[in-house]
Amino acid sequence: MEQLIISIIFAAFLIVIALIDLKSGLIYNKILLVMAISAIIFDLSGILIEIDQAMIAALIGFVIMYVIFILSRGGLGGGDVKFTFVLGLWLGLDGLLIAIFLSTIFASIVGLITFAIKRSLKIKLPFAPFMSLGAVTAYFFKEMIILNVFL
């Protein structure tokens, strides 16, 4: 039951962030802060992952996305960088890397389809919805693997 509640909380954060980013192109720091604090509480409680592993994942995710942020020259927003940090707290390194990989694939597919329809390189796609989809996929995939090991 505890894991179900945490899964619902995680999914709710992802849905809110994705919808706000779709509508406004922003990811609000207040939401990320509450999401980060929630993850840290769950990590310290031993419910999600060990706190040291969560912090390592968050920092690695931040560095990866910050490098992309710098190289993309505006193609990726600062909110996406902070969002990745917070996802590291929730997912750990393995889950975060899977989420980043999946979100890149999802965004590429939608970007290619959008390009084929609009025939323009000036396409702006918010990245948080793709990161949210990648994160929820990685999270539930990881949970399914854990459940299968113990069943």
N, C-alpha and C. Protein backbone atom coordinates (compact mmCIF):
# COMPACT_ATOMS: atom_id res chain seq x y z
N MET A 1 0.83 -1.20 0.00
CA MET A 1 0.00 0.00 0.00
C MET A 1 0.87 1.26 0.00
N GLU A 2 1.93 1.22 0.79
CA GLU A 2 2.85 2.35 0.88
C GLU A 2 3.45 2.68 -0.49
N GLN A 3 3.87 1.65 -1.22
CA GLN A 3 4.47 1.86 -2.53
C GLN A 3 3.45 2.42 -3.53
N LEU A 4 2.21 2.00 -3.41
CA LEU A 4 1.16 2.52 -4.28
C LEU A 4 0.96 4.01 -4.06
N ILE A 5 0.93 4.44 -2.81
CA ILE A 5 0.75 5.86 -2.50
C ILE A 5 1.92 6.67 -3.05
N ILE A 6 3.14 6.18 -2.87
CA ILE A 6 4.32 6.88 -3.38
C ILE A 6 4.29 6.94 -4.90
N SER A 7 3.86 5.87 -5.53
CA SER A 7 3.76 5.85 -7.00
C SER A 7 2.75 6.88 -7.49
N ILE A 8 1.64 6.99 -6.79
CA ILE A 8 0.61 7.97 -7.16
C ILE A 8 1.15 9.40 -6.98
N ILE A 9 1.86 9.64 -5.88
CA ILE A 9 2.45 10.96 -5.64
C ILE A 9 3.44 11.31 -6.76
N PHE A 10 4.31 10.36 -7.11
CA PHE A 10 5.29 10.57 -8.17
C PHE A 10 4.60 10.87 -9.49
N ALA A 11 3.61 10.06 -9.83
CA ALA A 11 2.88 10.26 -11.09
C ALA A 11 2.17 11.61 -11.09
N ALA A 12 1.62 12.02 -9.97
CA ALA A 12 0.93 13.31 -9.89
C ALA A 12 1.90 14.46 -10.14
N PHE A 13 3.09 14.40 -9.53
CA PHE A 13 4.10 15.43 -9.79
C PHE A 13 4.43 15.48 -11.28
N LEU A 14 4.63 14.33 -11.88
CA LEU A 14 5.01 14.29 -13.29
C LEU A 14 3.92 14.85 -14.19
N ILE A 15 2.69 14.52 -13.89
CA ILE A 15 1.56 15.03 -14.69
C ILE A 15 1.47 16.55 -14.58
N VAL A 16 1.56 17.06 -13.36
CA VAL A 16 1.47 18.51 -13.15
C VAL A 16 2.60 19.23 -13.90
N ILE A 17 3.82 18.74 -13.75
CA ILE A 17 4.96 19.38 -14.41
C ILE A 17 4.81 19.32 -15.92
N ALA A 18 4.41 18.17 -16.45
CA ALA A 18 4.25 18.03 -17.90
C ALA A 18 3.18 18.97 -18.43
N LEU A 19 2.05 19.05 -17.75
CA LEU A 19 0.95 19.90 -18.23
C LEU A 19 1.32 21.39 -18.16
N ILE A 20 1.97 21.79 -17.08
CA ILE A 20 2.38 23.20 -16.96
C ILE A 20 3.40 23.54 -18.04
N ASP A 21 4.36 22.64 -18.28
CA ASP A 21 5.37 22.90 -19.31
C ASP A 21 4.73 22.96 -20.70
N LEU A 22 3.77 22.11 -20.96
CA LEU A 22 3.06 22.15 -22.25
C LEU A 22 2.34 23.48 -22.43
N LYS A 23 1.71 23.96 -21.36
CA LYS A 23 0.92 25.18 -21.46
C LYS A 23 1.77 26.44 -21.46
N SER A 24 2.78 26.49 -20.58
CA SER A 24 3.51 27.74 -20.39
C SER A 24 4.97 27.71 -20.82
N GLY A 25 5.51 26.51 -21.03
CA GLY A 25 6.92 26.40 -21.35
C GLY A 25 7.81 26.58 -20.14
N LEU A 26 7.23 26.45 -18.95
CA LEU A 26 7.98 26.65 -17.71
C LEU A 26 7.84 25.44 -16.79
N ILE A 27 8.82 25.27 -15.94
CA ILE A 27 8.76 24.31 -14.85
C ILE A 27 9.00 25.11 -13.57
N TYR A 28 8.01 25.17 -12.72
CA TYR A 28 8.09 26.04 -11.55
C TYR A 28 8.97 25.47 -10.45
N ASN A 29 9.83 26.34 -9.93
CA ASN A 29 10.75 25.94 -8.86
C ASN A 29 10.02 25.44 -7.62
N LYS A 30 8.87 26.03 -7.31
CA LYS A 30 8.11 25.63 -6.12
C LYS A 30 7.69 24.17 -6.22
N ILE A 31 7.25 23.76 -7.39
CA ILE A 31 6.84 22.37 -7.58
C ILE A 31 8.06 21.45 -7.47
N LEU A 32 9.16 21.86 -8.10
CA LEU A 32 10.38 21.05 -8.04
C LEU A 32 10.89 20.93 -6.61
N LEU A 33 10.76 22.00 -5.84
CA LEU A 33 11.21 21.97 -4.45
C LEU A 33 10.39 20.98 -3.62
N VAL A 34 9.08 21.03 -3.76
CA VAL A 34 8.21 20.10 -3.04
C VAL A 34 8.49 18.67 -3.49
N MET A 35 8.68 18.48 -4.78
CA MET A 35 8.98 17.15 -5.31
C MET A 35 10.32 16.64 -4.77
N ALA A 36 11.31 17.52 -4.69
CA ALA A 36 12.63 17.14 -4.18
C ALA A 36 12.56 16.79 -2.69
N ILE A 37 11.87 17.61 -1.92
CA ILE A 37 11.74 17.35 -0.48
C ILE A 37 11.02 16.03 -0.25
N SER A 38 9.98 15.77 -1.03
CA SER A 38 9.26 14.50 -0.92
C SER A 38 10.20 13.32 -1.18
N ALA A 39 10.98 13.42 -2.24
CA ALA A 39 11.91 12.35 -2.57
C ALA A 39 12.93 12.14 -1.46
N ILE A 40 13.46 13.23 -0.93
CA ILE A 40 14.46 13.13 0.14
C ILE A 40 13.85 12.47 1.38
N ILE A 41 12.63 12.83 1.72
CA ILE A 41 11.95 12.19 2.86
C ILE A 41 11.80 10.70 2.61
N PHE A 42 11.36 10.34 1.41
CA PHE A 42 11.19 8.91 1.08
C PHE A 42 12.54 8.20 1.05
N ASP A 43 13.58 8.89 0.55
CA ASP A 43 14.91 8.29 0.51
C ASP A 43 15.45 8.07 1.93
N LEU A 44 15.31 9.06 2.79
CA LEU A 44 15.79 8.94 4.17
C LEU A 44 15.01 7.88 4.94
N SER A 45 13.76 7.66 4.55
CA SER A 45 12.93 6.64 5.19
C SER A 45 13.26 5.24 4.68
N GLY A 46 14.08 5.16 3.65
CA GLY A 46 14.43 3.87 3.08
C GLY A 46 13.37 3.30 2.16
N ILE A 47 12.44 4.14 1.75
CA ILE A 47 11.34 3.67 0.91
C ILE A 47 11.73 3.64 -0.57
N LEU A 48 12.41 4.69 -1.04
CA LEU A 48 12.78 4.75 -2.46
C LEU A 48 14.15 4.12 -2.68
N ILE A 49 15.18 4.91 -2.47
CA ILE A 49 16.55 4.44 -2.64
C ILE A 49 17.40 5.05 -1.53
N GLU A 50 18.61 4.57 -1.38
CA GLU A 50 19.51 5.13 -0.37
C GLU A 50 19.82 6.58 -0.73
N ILE A 51 19.87 7.44 0.28
CA ILE A 51 20.04 8.87 0.06
C ILE A 51 21.35 9.18 -0.67
N ASP A 52 22.42 8.45 -0.36
CA ASP A 52 23.69 8.72 -1.04
C ASP A 52 23.60 8.39 -2.52
N GLN A 53 22.91 7.31 -2.84
CA GLN A 53 22.71 6.95 -4.24
C GLN A 53 21.81 7.96 -4.95
N ALA A 54 20.82 8.46 -4.24
CA ALA A 54 19.93 9.47 -4.80
C ALA A 54 20.68 10.76 -5.12
N MET A 55 21.55 11.17 -4.20
CA MET A 55 22.31 12.40 -4.42
C MET A 55 23.30 12.25 -5.57
N ILE A 56 23.93 11.11 -5.67
CA ILE A 56 24.85 10.85 -6.79
C ILE A 56 24.09 10.91 -8.11
N ALA A 57 22.94 10.24 -8.15
CA ALA A 57 22.12 10.24 -9.37
C ALA A 57 21.68 11.66 -9.72
N ALA A 58 21.24 12.41 -8.72
CA ALA A 58 20.77 13.78 -8.96
C ALA A 58 21.90 14.64 -9.52
N LEU A 59 23.08 14.52 -8.95
CA LEU A 59 24.22 15.32 -9.42
C LEU A 59 24.65 14.91 -10.83
N ILE A 60 24.71 13.63 -11.10
CA ILE A 60 25.09 13.17 -12.45
C ILE A 60 24.05 13.63 -13.46
N GLY A 61 22.77 13.49 -13.13
CA GLY A 61 21.71 13.96 -14.03
C GLY A 61 21.81 15.45 -14.28
N PHE A 62 22.07 16.20 -13.22
CA PHE A 62 22.23 17.66 -13.35
C PHE A 62 23.37 17.99 -14.30
N VAL A 63 24.52 17.35 -14.12
CA VAL A 63 25.69 17.64 -14.95
C VAL A 63 25.41 17.28 -16.41
N ILE A 64 24.80 16.12 -16.65
CA ILE A 64 24.48 15.71 -18.02
C ILE A 64 23.60 16.76 -18.69
N MET A 65 22.53 17.14 -18.01
CA MET A 65 21.59 18.08 -18.61
C MET A 65 22.15 19.50 -18.68
N TYR A 66 23.00 19.86 -17.73
CA TYR A 66 23.60 21.18 -17.77
C TYR A 66 24.54 21.32 -18.98
N VAL A 67 25.28 20.26 -19.26
CA VAL A 67 26.14 20.27 -20.46
C VAL A 67 25.28 20.41 -21.72
N ILE A 68 24.18 19.67 -21.77
CA ILE A 68 23.28 19.79 -22.92
C ILE A 68 22.67 21.19 -22.98
N PHE A 69 22.31 21.74 -21.83
CA PHE A 69 21.77 23.10 -21.74
C PHE A 69 22.76 24.11 -22.34
N ILE A 70 24.03 23.99 -21.98
CA ILE A 70 25.05 24.91 -22.49
C ILE A 70 25.24 24.71 -23.99
N LEU A 71 25.34 23.46 -24.42
CA LEU A 71 25.60 23.18 -25.83
C LEU A 71 24.41 23.51 -26.73
N SER A 72 23.21 23.41 -26.20
CA SER A 72 22.02 23.63 -27.03
C SER A 72 21.70 25.11 -27.24
N ARG A 73 22.32 25.98 -26.47
CA ARG A 73 22.12 27.43 -26.61
C ARG A 73 20.64 27.82 -26.64
N GLY A 74 19.94 27.39 -25.64
CA GLY A 74 18.53 27.75 -25.54
C GLY A 74 17.58 26.67 -25.98
N GLY A 75 18.10 25.57 -26.48
CA GLY A 75 17.24 24.47 -26.91
C GLY A 75 16.67 23.69 -25.75
N LEU A 76 17.29 23.83 -24.59
CA LEU A 76 16.85 23.17 -23.38
C LEU A 76 16.81 24.23 -22.29
N GLY A 77 15.78 24.20 -21.47
CA GLY A 77 15.65 25.24 -20.45
C GLY A 77 16.27 24.85 -19.12
N GLY A 78 16.48 25.84 -18.29
CA GLY A 78 17.04 25.61 -16.96
C GLY A 78 16.12 24.76 -16.09
N GLY A 79 14.82 24.89 -16.30
CA GLY A 79 13.88 24.06 -15.55
C GLY A 79 14.06 22.58 -15.85
N ASP A 80 14.41 22.26 -17.08
CA ASP A 80 14.65 20.87 -17.45
C ASP A 80 15.88 20.32 -16.72
N VAL A 81 16.88 21.16 -16.53
CA VAL A 81 18.10 20.77 -15.82
C VAL A 81 17.75 20.47 -14.36
N LYS A 82 16.99 21.37 -13.74
CA LYS A 82 16.60 21.18 -12.33
C LYS A 82 15.66 19.98 -12.19
N PHE A 83 14.78 19.81 -13.15
CA PHE A 83 13.84 18.68 -13.14
C PHE A 83 14.62 17.36 -13.16
N THR A 84 15.66 17.30 -13.95
CA THR A 84 16.48 16.09 -14.03
C THR A 84 17.15 15.81 -12.69
N PHE A 85 17.63 16.86 -12.03
CA PHE A 85 18.21 16.71 -10.70
C PHE A 85 17.20 16.04 -9.75
N VAL A 86 15.98 16.56 -9.74
CA VAL A 86 14.94 16.04 -8.86
C VAL A 86 14.58 14.60 -9.23
N LEU A 87 14.54 14.30 -10.52
CA LEU A 87 14.24 12.93 -10.94
C LEU A 87 15.31 11.96 -10.45
N GLY A 88 16.55 12.42 -10.39
CA GLY A 88 17.61 11.57 -9.85
C GLY A 88 17.34 11.18 -8.40
N LEU A 89 16.75 12.09 -7.62
CA LEU A 89 16.40 11.80 -6.23
C LEU A 89 15.33 10.72 -6.14
N TRP A 90 14.44 10.71 -7.12
CA TRP A 90 13.35 9.73 -7.13
C TRP A 90 13.76 8.39 -7.73
N LEU A 91 14.57 8.43 -8.78
CA LEU A 91 14.80 7.22 -9.58
C LEU A 91 16.13 6.52 -9.32
N GLY A 92 17.10 7.21 -8.77
CA GLY A 92 18.43 6.63 -8.69
C GLY A 92 19.09 6.71 -10.06
N LEU A 93 20.35 6.31 -10.12
CA LEU A 93 21.10 6.49 -11.36
C LEU A 93 20.59 5.61 -12.49
N ASP A 94 20.33 4.34 -12.21
CA ASP A 94 19.86 3.46 -13.28
C ASP A 94 18.53 3.93 -13.84
N GLY A 95 17.59 4.26 -12.98
CA GLY A 95 16.29 4.75 -13.44
C GLY A 95 16.38 6.08 -14.16
N LEU A 96 17.25 6.96 -13.66
CA LEU A 96 17.40 8.27 -14.29
C LEU A 96 17.99 8.15 -15.69
N LEU A 97 19.00 7.32 -15.85
CA LEU A 97 19.60 7.15 -17.17
C LEU A 97 18.62 6.54 -18.16
N ILE A 98 17.81 5.61 -17.68
CA ILE A 98 16.76 5.04 -18.53
C ILE A 98 15.75 6.12 -18.90
N ALA A 99 15.37 6.95 -17.93
CA ALA A 99 14.41 8.03 -18.19
C ALA A 99 14.95 9.02 -19.22
N ILE A 100 16.21 9.40 -19.07
CA ILE A 100 16.82 10.33 -20.03
C ILE A 100 16.85 9.71 -21.43
N PHE A 101 17.25 8.45 -21.50
CA PHE A 101 17.30 7.75 -22.78
C PHE A 101 15.91 7.69 -23.43
N LEU A 102 14.92 7.25 -22.66
CA LEU A 102 13.57 7.13 -23.20
C LEU A 102 12.99 8.48 -23.60
N SER A 103 13.22 9.50 -22.77
CA SER A 103 12.67 10.82 -23.09
C SER A 103 13.28 11.37 -24.37
N THR A 104 14.56 11.09 -24.59
CA THR A 104 15.22 11.53 -25.82
C THR A 104 14.61 10.83 -27.03
N ILE A 105 14.35 9.55 -26.89
CA ILE A 105 13.71 8.81 -27.99
C ILE A 105 12.30 9.35 -28.24
N PHE A 106 11.51 9.51 -27.18
CA PHE A 106 10.15 10.03 -27.33
C PHE A 106 10.15 11.41 -27.99
N ALA A 107 11.01 12.30 -27.53
CA ALA A 107 11.08 13.65 -28.09
C ALA A 107 11.54 13.62 -29.54
N SER A 108 12.47 12.74 -29.86
CA SER A 108 12.96 12.63 -31.24
C SER A 108 11.86 12.17 -32.18
N ILE A 109 11.10 11.19 -31.74
CA ILE A 109 10.00 10.68 -32.58
C ILE A 109 8.97 11.78 -32.83
N VAL A 110 8.55 12.45 -31.77
CA VAL A 110 7.57 13.53 -31.92
C VAL A 110 8.15 14.67 -32.74
N GLY A 111 9.41 14.99 -32.53
CA GLY A 111 10.06 16.05 -33.30
C GLY A 111 10.12 15.72 -34.78
N LEU A 112 10.45 14.47 -35.09
CA LEU A 112 10.49 14.06 -36.51
C LEU A 112 9.11 14.10 -37.15
N ILE A 113 8.12 13.66 -36.42
CA ILE A 113 6.74 13.69 -36.94
C ILE A 113 6.30 15.14 -37.14
N THR A 114 6.60 15.99 -36.17
CA THR A 114 6.24 17.40 -36.27
C THR A 114 6.96 18.06 -37.44
N PHE A 115 8.23 17.73 -37.61
CA PHE A 115 9.00 18.27 -38.74
C PHE A 115 8.39 17.81 -40.06
N ALA A 116 8.01 16.54 -40.15
CA ALA A 116 7.42 16.02 -41.38
C ALA A 116 6.11 16.73 -41.72
N ILE A 117 5.38 17.12 -40.71
CA ILE A 117 4.10 17.79 -40.93
C ILE A 117 4.30 19.26 -41.24
N LYS A 118 5.13 19.94 -40.45
CA LYS A 118 5.29 21.40 -40.59
C LYS A 118 6.39 21.80 -41.56
N ARG A 119 7.31 20.90 -41.84
CA ARG A 119 8.44 21.19 -42.74
C ARG A 119 9.22 22.43 -42.30
N SER A 120 9.47 22.52 -41.01
CA SER A 120 10.20 23.66 -40.47
C SER A 120 11.16 23.19 -39.39
N LEU A 121 12.33 23.80 -39.33
CA LEU A 121 13.29 23.49 -38.28
C LEU A 121 13.07 24.35 -37.04
N LYS A 122 12.13 25.26 -37.11
CA LYS A 122 11.85 26.16 -35.98
C LYS A 122 10.72 25.60 -35.13
N ILE A 123 10.93 24.38 -34.67
CA ILE A 123 9.94 23.70 -33.85
C ILE A 123 10.38 23.79 -32.40
N LYS A 124 9.48 24.22 -31.53
CA LYS A 124 9.77 24.26 -30.10
C LYS A 124 8.89 23.23 -29.40
N LEU A 125 9.53 22.24 -28.83
CA LEU A 125 8.82 21.23 -28.07
C LEU A 125 9.27 21.31 -26.62
N PRO A 126 8.35 21.46 -25.68
CA PRO A 126 8.75 21.42 -24.27
C PRO A 126 9.26 20.02 -23.94
N PHE A 127 10.34 19.94 -23.17
CA PHE A 127 10.97 18.65 -22.92
C PHE A 127 10.41 17.94 -21.68
N ALA A 128 9.85 18.68 -20.74
CA ALA A 128 9.35 18.06 -19.50
C ALA A 128 8.29 16.98 -19.73
N PRO A 129 7.37 17.14 -20.69
CA PRO A 129 6.43 16.03 -20.92
C PRO A 129 7.14 14.74 -21.33
N PHE A 130 8.18 14.86 -22.12
CA PHE A 130 8.93 13.68 -22.53
C PHE A 130 9.73 13.10 -21.36
N MET A 131 10.31 14.00 -20.55
CA MET A 131 11.03 13.53 -19.36
C MET A 131 10.05 12.87 -18.39
N SER A 132 8.87 13.41 -18.26
CA SER A 132 7.87 12.82 -17.37
C SER A 132 7.47 11.43 -17.86
N LEU A 133 7.25 11.30 -19.15
CA LEU A 133 6.90 10.00 -19.71
C LEU A 133 8.05 9.01 -19.55
N GLY A 134 9.27 9.45 -19.81
CA GLY A 134 10.43 8.59 -19.62
C GLY A 134 10.61 8.20 -18.16
N ALA A 135 10.38 9.15 -17.25
CA ALA A 135 10.55 8.89 -15.82
C ALA A 135 9.50 7.91 -15.30
N VAL A 136 8.26 8.11 -15.69
CA VAL A 136 7.22 7.20 -15.20
C VAL A 136 7.42 5.80 -15.78
N THR A 137 7.86 5.71 -17.01
CA THR A 137 8.15 4.41 -17.63
C THR A 137 9.30 3.73 -16.88
N ALA A 138 10.37 4.47 -16.63
CA ALA A 138 11.53 3.91 -15.91
C ALA A 138 11.13 3.50 -14.49
N TYR A 139 10.36 4.32 -13.82
CA TYR A 139 9.94 4.05 -12.45
C TYR A 139 9.13 2.76 -12.36
N PHE A 140 8.12 2.65 -13.20
CA PHE A 140 7.25 1.48 -13.12
C PHE A 140 7.95 0.23 -13.67
N PHE A 141 8.82 0.39 -14.63
CA PHE A 141 9.61 -0.74 -15.12
C PHE A 141 10.51 -1.26 -14.00
N LYS A 142 11.14 -0.34 -13.30
CA LYS A 142 12.02 -0.69 -12.18
C LYS A 142 11.22 -1.38 -11.08
N GLU A 143 10.04 -0.86 -10.76
CA GLU A 143 9.19 -1.46 -9.73
C GLU A 143 8.74 -2.86 -10.14
N MET A 144 8.43 -3.06 -11.41
CA MET A 144 8.01 -4.38 -11.88
C MET A 144 9.15 -5.38 -11.74
N ILE A 145 10.35 -4.98 -12.05
CA ILE A 145 11.51 -5.86 -11.92
C ILE A 145 11.70 -6.23 -10.44
N ILE A 146 11.60 -5.25 -9.56
CA ILE A 146 11.75 -5.52 -8.12
C ILE A 146 10.66 -6.47 -7.64
N LEU A 147 9.43 -6.25 -8.07
CA LEU A 147 8.35 -7.14 -7.66
C LEU A 147 8.57 -8.57 -8.17
N ASN A 148 9.04 -8.72 -9.41
CA ASN A 148 9.29 -10.04 -9.96
C ASN A 148 10.40 -10.79 -9.22
N VAL A 149 11.38 -10.06 -8.72
CA VAL A 149 12.47 -10.70 -7.98
C VAL A 149 11.96 -11.29 -6.67
N PHE A 150 11.03 -10.58 -6.02
CA PHE A 150 10.55 -11.02 -4.70
C PHE A 150 9.33 -11.93 -4.78
N LEU A 151 8.71 -12.05 -5.93
CA LEU A 151 7.52 -12.91 -6.03
C LEU A 151 7.87 -14.34 -6.32
